[in-house]
Amino acid sequence: MKKHLTCCGRSERPLTLTNARCSRPLRVIRISSSSPASLRLKELGLCEAAEIRKLVDGNALICSIQGTRLAIGRSLGTHIEVEEVLA
């Protein structure tokens, strides 16, 4: 997994959908898997620059994407890099 540099020069792992906190607005940076499931997520609107909100953090990650709730498996969520959107 890639590491990003912060302003202090320390390396930091990118935030994934699996690690993100619930109820925060998020923006998708990258989907790193090329599996058929990842391609289907892109067809459903979960693509780079999409704004989403993680609602439930359980065995499946429930997210709101363009007003639609979508369940994403935890293992697939590790391939979705996100960033928090500042209000």
N, C-alpha and C. Protein backbone atom coordinates (compact mmCIF):
# COMPACT_ATOMS: atom_id res chain seq x y z
N MET A 1 0.84 -1.17 0.00
CA MET A 1 0.00 0.00 0.00
C MET A 1 0.89 1.24 0.00
N LYS A 2 0.52 2.24 -0.78
CA LYS A 2 1.30 3.47 -0.87
C LYS A 2 1.27 4.22 0.45
N LYS A 3 2.34 4.95 0.72
CA LYS A 3 2.37 5.83 1.87
C LYS A 3 2.49 7.25 1.37
N HIS A 4 1.81 8.17 2.03
CA HIS A 4 1.84 9.57 1.64
C HIS A 4 2.65 10.35 2.66
N LEU A 5 3.28 11.43 2.22
CA LEU A 5 4.02 12.29 3.12
C LEU A 5 3.10 13.38 3.66
N THR A 6 3.20 13.66 4.93
CA THR A 6 2.44 14.74 5.53
C THR A 6 3.28 16.00 5.48
N CYS A 7 2.74 17.10 5.99
CA CYS A 7 3.47 18.36 5.96
C CYS A 7 4.73 18.31 6.82
N CYS A 8 4.78 17.42 7.78
CA CYS A 8 5.94 17.33 8.67
C CYS A 8 6.99 16.35 8.14
N GLY A 9 6.74 15.76 6.98
CA GLY A 9 7.70 14.84 6.40
C GLY A 9 7.55 13.41 6.87
N ARG A 10 6.60 13.15 7.77
CA ARG A 10 6.37 11.78 8.23
C ARG A 10 5.52 11.03 7.21
N SER A 11 5.73 9.74 7.09
CA SER A 11 4.89 8.97 6.18
C SER A 11 3.60 8.58 6.90
N GLU A 12 2.53 8.53 6.15
CA GLU A 12 1.23 8.23 6.71
C GLU A 12 0.47 7.36 5.71
N ARG A 13 -0.22 6.36 6.22
CA ARG A 13 -1.01 5.51 5.33
C ARG A 13 -2.24 6.28 4.88
N PRO A 14 -2.66 6.06 3.64
CA PRO A 14 -3.87 6.74 3.18
C PRO A 14 -5.09 6.24 3.94
N LEU A 15 -6.09 7.10 4.08
CA LEU A 15 -7.33 6.75 4.75
C LEU A 15 -8.18 5.91 3.80
N THR A 16 -8.63 4.76 4.26
CA THR A 16 -9.49 3.91 3.44
C THR A 16 -10.91 3.99 3.98
N LEU A 17 -11.85 3.56 3.19
CA LEU A 17 -13.25 3.56 3.62
C LEU A 17 -13.43 2.70 4.86
N THR A 18 -12.70 1.61 4.96
CA THR A 18 -12.79 0.74 6.13
C THR A 18 -12.34 1.47 7.40
N ASN A 19 -11.32 2.33 7.30
CA ASN A 19 -10.77 3.02 8.47
C ASN A 19 -11.48 4.33 8.78
N ALA A 20 -12.23 4.88 7.84
CA ALA A 20 -12.87 6.19 8.03
C ALA A 20 -13.95 6.11 9.10
N ARG A 21 -14.16 7.23 9.77
CA ARG A 21 -15.19 7.28 10.81
C ARG A 21 -16.56 7.49 10.18
N CYS A 22 -17.58 7.01 10.88
CA CYS A 22 -18.96 7.13 10.39
C CYS A 22 -19.45 8.58 10.48
N SER A 23 -20.44 8.88 9.65
CA SER A 23 -21.16 10.15 9.63
C SER A 23 -20.35 11.35 9.17
N ARG A 24 -19.17 11.13 8.67
CA ARG A 24 -18.35 12.22 8.14
C ARG A 24 -18.48 12.26 6.62
N PRO A 25 -18.57 13.44 6.04
CA PRO A 25 -18.57 13.50 4.57
C PRO A 25 -17.19 13.12 4.04
N LEU A 26 -17.16 12.27 3.04
CA LEU A 26 -15.92 11.76 2.47
C LEU A 26 -15.90 11.96 0.96
N ARG A 27 -14.72 12.05 0.40
CA ARG A 27 -14.54 12.11 -1.04
C ARG A 27 -13.63 10.96 -1.45
N VAL A 28 -14.03 10.23 -2.46
CA VAL A 28 -13.24 9.11 -2.96
C VAL A 28 -12.04 9.65 -3.73
N ILE A 29 -10.85 9.21 -3.35
CA ILE A 29 -9.63 9.62 -4.04
C ILE A 29 -9.28 8.61 -5.11
N ARG A 30 -9.40 7.32 -4.75
CA ARG A 30 -8.95 6.28 -5.67
C ARG A 30 -9.54 4.94 -5.25
N ILE A 31 -9.84 4.11 -6.24
CA ILE A 31 -10.22 2.72 -6.00
C ILE A 31 -9.10 1.88 -6.59
N SER A 32 -8.35 1.21 -5.73
CA SER A 32 -7.11 0.57 -6.16
C SER A 32 -7.28 -0.85 -6.70
N SER A 33 -8.43 -1.43 -6.56
CA SER A 33 -8.64 -2.79 -7.06
C SER A 33 -9.26 -2.74 -8.45
N SER A 34 -8.91 -3.71 -9.28
CA SER A 34 -9.53 -3.81 -10.60
C SER A 34 -10.45 -5.02 -10.68
N SER A 35 -10.92 -5.46 -9.53
CA SER A 35 -11.82 -6.62 -9.49
C SER A 35 -13.17 -6.26 -10.12
N PRO A 36 -13.93 -7.27 -10.52
CA PRO A 36 -15.27 -6.99 -11.06
C PRO A 36 -16.16 -6.22 -10.08
N ALA A 37 -15.99 -6.46 -8.78
CA ALA A 37 -16.78 -5.73 -7.79
C ALA A 37 -16.42 -4.25 -7.79
N SER A 38 -15.14 -3.92 -7.95
CA SER A 38 -14.72 -2.52 -8.02
C SER A 38 -15.28 -1.84 -9.27
N LEU A 39 -15.28 -2.55 -10.36
CA LEU A 39 -15.84 -2.00 -11.59
C LEU A 39 -17.33 -1.75 -11.44
N ARG A 40 -18.02 -2.65 -10.75
CA ARG A 40 -19.46 -2.47 -10.52
C ARG A 40 -19.72 -1.26 -9.62
N LEU A 41 -18.87 -1.04 -8.62
CA LEU A 41 -19.03 0.14 -7.76
C LEU A 41 -18.92 1.42 -8.58
N LYS A 42 -18.00 1.45 -9.52
CA LYS A 42 -17.85 2.63 -10.38
C LYS A 42 -19.11 2.84 -11.22
N GLU A 43 -19.71 1.76 -11.70
CA GLU A 43 -20.95 1.86 -12.45
C GLU A 43 -22.09 2.41 -11.60
N LEU A 44 -22.05 2.14 -10.29
CA LEU A 44 -23.09 2.60 -9.37
C LEU A 44 -22.84 4.03 -8.88
N GLY A 45 -21.75 4.65 -9.30
CA GLY A 45 -21.48 6.04 -8.91
C GLY A 45 -20.38 6.22 -7.90
N LEU A 46 -19.80 5.12 -7.41
CA LEU A 46 -18.70 5.23 -6.46
C LEU A 46 -17.40 5.27 -7.25
N CYS A 47 -17.03 6.47 -7.68
CA CYS A 47 -15.83 6.63 -8.49
C CYS A 47 -15.01 7.79 -7.92
N GLU A 48 -13.86 8.04 -8.49
CA GLU A 48 -13.00 9.11 -8.02
C GLU A 48 -13.78 10.42 -7.99
N ALA A 49 -13.60 11.20 -6.94
CA ALA A 49 -14.22 12.50 -6.69
C ALA A 49 -15.67 12.42 -6.23
N ALA A 50 -16.23 11.21 -6.10
CA ALA A 50 -17.59 11.07 -5.60
C ALA A 50 -17.62 11.39 -4.11
N GLU A 51 -18.66 12.10 -3.68
CA GLU A 51 -18.82 12.39 -2.27
C GLU A 51 -19.77 11.38 -1.66
N ILE A 52 -19.33 10.78 -0.57
CA ILE A 52 -20.09 9.72 0.09
C ILE A 52 -20.11 9.97 1.58
N ARG A 53 -20.92 9.21 2.29
CA ARG A 53 -20.96 9.26 3.75
C ARG A 53 -21.08 7.83 4.25
N LYS A 54 -20.18 7.43 5.12
CA LYS A 54 -20.21 6.10 5.72
C LYS A 54 -21.20 6.15 6.88
N LEU A 55 -22.24 5.29 6.82
CA LEU A 55 -23.30 5.32 7.82
C LEU A 55 -23.13 4.26 8.89
N VAL A 56 -22.72 3.05 8.49
CA VAL A 56 -22.61 1.92 9.43
C VAL A 56 -21.27 1.23 9.20
N ASP A 57 -20.60 0.92 10.31
CA ASP A 57 -19.31 0.23 10.25
C ASP A 57 -19.46 -1.12 10.93
N GLY A 58 -19.81 -2.14 10.16
CA GLY A 58 -19.99 -3.48 10.70
C GLY A 58 -19.28 -4.47 9.80
N ASN A 59 -19.84 -5.68 9.68
CA ASN A 59 -19.27 -6.64 8.73
C ASN A 59 -19.34 -6.12 7.32
N ALA A 60 -20.38 -5.33 7.05
CA ALA A 60 -20.49 -4.60 5.78
C ALA A 60 -20.48 -3.11 6.11
N LEU A 61 -19.92 -2.32 5.22
CA LEU A 61 -19.91 -0.88 5.37
C LEU A 61 -21.11 -0.34 4.61
N ILE A 62 -22.01 0.33 5.31
CA ILE A 62 -23.18 0.91 4.66
C ILE A 62 -22.85 2.38 4.39
N CYS A 63 -22.96 2.77 3.13
CA CYS A 63 -22.61 4.13 2.72
C CYS A 63 -23.78 4.76 1.98
N SER A 64 -23.84 6.08 2.07
CA SER A 64 -24.81 6.84 1.29
C SER A 64 -24.06 7.48 0.13
N ILE A 65 -24.52 7.17 -1.08
CA ILE A 65 -23.90 7.68 -2.30
C ILE A 65 -25.02 8.27 -3.16
N GLN A 66 -25.01 9.57 -3.35
CA GLN A 66 -26.01 10.25 -4.15
C GLN A 66 -27.43 9.89 -3.72
N GLY A 67 -27.65 9.83 -2.41
CA GLY A 67 -28.98 9.55 -1.87
C GLY A 67 -29.36 8.07 -1.84
N THR A 68 -28.46 7.18 -2.22
CA THR A 68 -28.72 5.75 -2.23
C THR A 68 -27.82 5.06 -1.22
N ARG A 69 -28.38 4.14 -0.46
CA ARG A 69 -27.56 3.36 0.48
C ARG A 69 -26.99 2.15 -0.22
N LEU A 70 -25.72 1.90 0.05
CA LEU A 70 -25.01 0.80 -0.60
C LEU A 70 -24.18 0.06 0.43
N ALA A 71 -24.26 -1.27 0.45
CA ALA A 71 -23.46 -2.09 1.34
C ALA A 71 -22.20 -2.53 0.60
N ILE A 72 -21.06 -2.32 1.24
CA ILE A 72 -19.76 -2.67 0.66
C ILE A 72 -19.03 -3.56 1.66
N GLY A 73 -18.50 -4.67 1.20
CA GLY A 73 -17.75 -5.57 2.08
C GLY A 73 -16.51 -4.90 2.64
N ARG A 74 -16.14 -5.26 3.87
CA ARG A 74 -14.97 -4.65 4.52
C ARG A 74 -13.70 -4.84 3.70
N SER A 75 -13.52 -6.02 3.12
CA SER A 75 -12.30 -6.26 2.35
C SER A 75 -12.24 -5.37 1.12
N LEU A 76 -13.36 -5.13 0.47
CA LEU A 76 -13.39 -4.22 -0.68
C LEU A 76 -13.17 -2.78 -0.22
N GLY A 77 -13.66 -2.44 0.97
CA GLY A 77 -13.48 -1.10 1.52
C GLY A 77 -12.03 -0.72 1.75
N THR A 78 -11.16 -1.72 1.92
CA THR A 78 -9.73 -1.41 2.10
C THR A 78 -9.09 -0.93 0.81
N HIS A 79 -9.73 -1.15 -0.33
CA HIS A 79 -9.20 -0.71 -1.63
C HIS A 79 -9.74 0.65 -2.06
N ILE A 80 -10.59 1.25 -1.23
CA ILE A 80 -11.19 2.55 -1.57
C ILE A 80 -10.54 3.61 -0.68
N GLU A 81 -9.69 4.44 -1.29
CA GLU A 81 -9.03 5.53 -0.55
C GLU A 81 -9.93 6.75 -0.56
N VAL A 82 -10.09 7.36 0.62
CA VAL A 82 -10.97 8.51 0.78
C VAL A 82 -10.24 9.62 1.54
N GLU A 83 -10.84 10.80 1.53
CA GLU A 83 -10.38 11.90 2.37
C GLU A 83 -11.61 12.55 2.96
N GLU A 84 -11.46 13.14 4.14
CA GLU A 84 -12.58 13.84 4.76
C GLU A 84 -12.79 15.15 4.04
N VAL A 85 -14.06 15.49 3.83
CA VAL A 85 -14.41 16.75 3.19
C VAL A 85 -14.65 17.78 4.29
N LEU A 86 -13.98 18.89 4.20
CA LEU A 86 -14.14 19.95 5.19
C LEU A 86 -15.41 20.74 4.87
N ALA A 87 -16.18 21.03 5.91
CA ALA A 87 -17.45 21.74 5.72
C ALA A 87 -17.23 23.20 5.40
